[in-house]
Amino acid sequence: MVNARAQLKKTHIMINHYMNNHFLLHYETNPIEMD
């Protein structure tokens, strides 16, 4: 049986990594005003 907590943490890290990259790419191509 897979350790659910470790699996969740791994997934969370991957999601954060993807979201960070996506945000940076979007921000570089479409600058927006942050309020």
N, C-alpha and C. Protein backbone atom coordinates (compact mmCIF):
# COMPACT_ATOMS: atom_id res chain seq x y z
N MET A 1 0.85 -1.21 0.00
CA MET A 1 0.00 0.00 0.00
C MET A 1 0.88 1.26 0.00
N VAL A 2 0.51 2.20 -0.85
CA VAL A 2 1.25 3.45 -0.94
C VAL A 2 0.96 4.32 0.27
N ASN A 3 1.97 4.99 0.76
CA ASN A 3 1.80 5.92 1.87
C ASN A 3 1.02 7.13 1.35
N ALA A 4 -0.23 7.23 1.79
CA ALA A 4 -1.11 8.29 1.29
C ALA A 4 -0.55 9.69 1.54
N ARG A 5 0.03 9.88 2.72
CA ARG A 5 0.56 11.21 3.04
C ARG A 5 1.72 11.58 2.12
N ALA A 6 2.63 10.65 1.88
CA ALA A 6 3.75 10.91 0.99
C ALA A 6 3.26 11.16 -0.44
N GLN A 7 2.27 10.38 -0.86
CA GLN A 7 1.72 10.54 -2.21
C GLN A 7 1.06 11.91 -2.36
N LEU A 8 0.32 12.32 -1.33
CA LEU A 8 -0.35 13.62 -1.36
C LEU A 8 0.68 14.75 -1.41
N LYS A 9 1.73 14.63 -0.62
CA LYS A 9 2.76 15.66 -0.61
C LYS A 9 3.44 15.75 -1.97
N LYS A 10 3.73 14.60 -2.57
CA LYS A 10 4.36 14.57 -3.89
C LYS A 10 3.46 15.26 -4.92
N THR A 11 2.18 14.93 -4.87
CA THR A 11 1.21 15.53 -5.80
C THR A 11 1.13 17.04 -5.58
N HIS A 12 1.10 17.45 -4.33
CA HIS A 12 1.02 18.87 -3.98
C HIS A 12 2.23 19.63 -4.51
N ILE A 13 3.41 19.05 -4.36
CA ILE A 13 4.64 19.67 -4.88
C ILE A 13 4.57 19.80 -6.40
N MET A 14 4.12 18.74 -7.06
CA MET A 14 4.02 18.78 -8.52
C MET A 14 3.03 19.84 -8.98
N ILE A 15 1.89 19.94 -8.28
CA ILE A 15 0.89 20.96 -8.62
C ILE A 15 1.46 22.36 -8.41
N ASN A 16 2.13 22.57 -7.28
CA ASN A 16 2.73 23.88 -7.01
C ASN A 16 3.76 24.23 -8.08
N HIS A 17 4.58 23.26 -8.47
CA HIS A 17 5.60 23.47 -9.48
C HIS A 17 4.96 23.86 -10.81
N TYR A 18 3.91 23.12 -11.19
CA TYR A 18 3.20 23.42 -12.44
C TYR A 18 2.56 24.80 -12.40
N MET A 19 1.89 25.11 -11.29
CA MET A 19 1.21 26.40 -11.18
C MET A 19 2.20 27.55 -11.19
N ASN A 20 3.34 27.39 -10.52
CA ASN A 20 4.36 28.43 -10.51
C ASN A 20 4.89 28.68 -11.92
N ASN A 21 5.19 27.60 -12.65
CA ASN A 21 5.68 27.74 -14.02
C ASN A 21 4.63 28.38 -14.91
N HIS A 22 3.38 27.95 -14.77
CA HIS A 22 2.29 28.48 -15.58
C HIS A 22 2.10 29.97 -15.31
N PHE A 23 2.14 30.34 -14.04
CA PHE A 23 1.98 31.74 -13.68
C PHE A 23 3.12 32.59 -14.25
N LEU A 24 4.34 32.12 -14.13
CA LEU A 24 5.48 32.87 -14.64
C LEU A 24 5.41 33.05 -16.15
N LEU A 25 5.05 31.99 -16.86
CA LEU A 25 4.93 32.08 -18.31
C LEU A 25 3.82 33.06 -18.69
N HIS A 26 2.70 32.97 -18.00
CA HIS A 26 1.57 33.86 -18.28
C HIS A 26 1.94 35.31 -17.97
N TYR A 27 2.64 35.49 -16.87
CA TYR A 27 3.02 36.84 -16.45
C TYR A 27 4.03 37.46 -17.43
N GLU A 28 4.94 36.67 -17.93
CA GLU A 28 5.94 37.17 -18.88
C GLU A 28 5.31 37.56 -20.21
N THR A 29 4.30 36.79 -20.63
CA THR A 29 3.69 37.05 -21.93
C THR A 29 2.56 38.07 -21.84
N ASN A 30 1.89 38.12 -20.69
CA ASN A 30 0.76 39.03 -20.51
C ASN A 30 0.88 39.76 -19.17
N PRO A 31 1.70 40.79 -19.09
CA PRO A 31 1.85 41.51 -17.83
C PRO A 31 0.49 42.05 -17.36
N ILE A 32 0.26 41.93 -16.07
CA ILE A 32 -1.00 42.41 -15.49
C ILE A 32 -0.70 43.26 -14.27
N GLU A 33 -1.59 44.15 -13.96
CA GLU A 33 -1.46 44.96 -12.75
C GLU A 33 -1.87 44.12 -11.55
N MET A 34 -0.99 44.06 -10.57
CA MET A 34 -1.30 43.33 -9.35
C MET A 34 -1.83 44.31 -8.32
N ASP A 35 -3.00 44.01 -7.77
CA ASP A 35 -3.45 44.90 -6.73
C ASP A 35 -3.52 44.29 -5.39
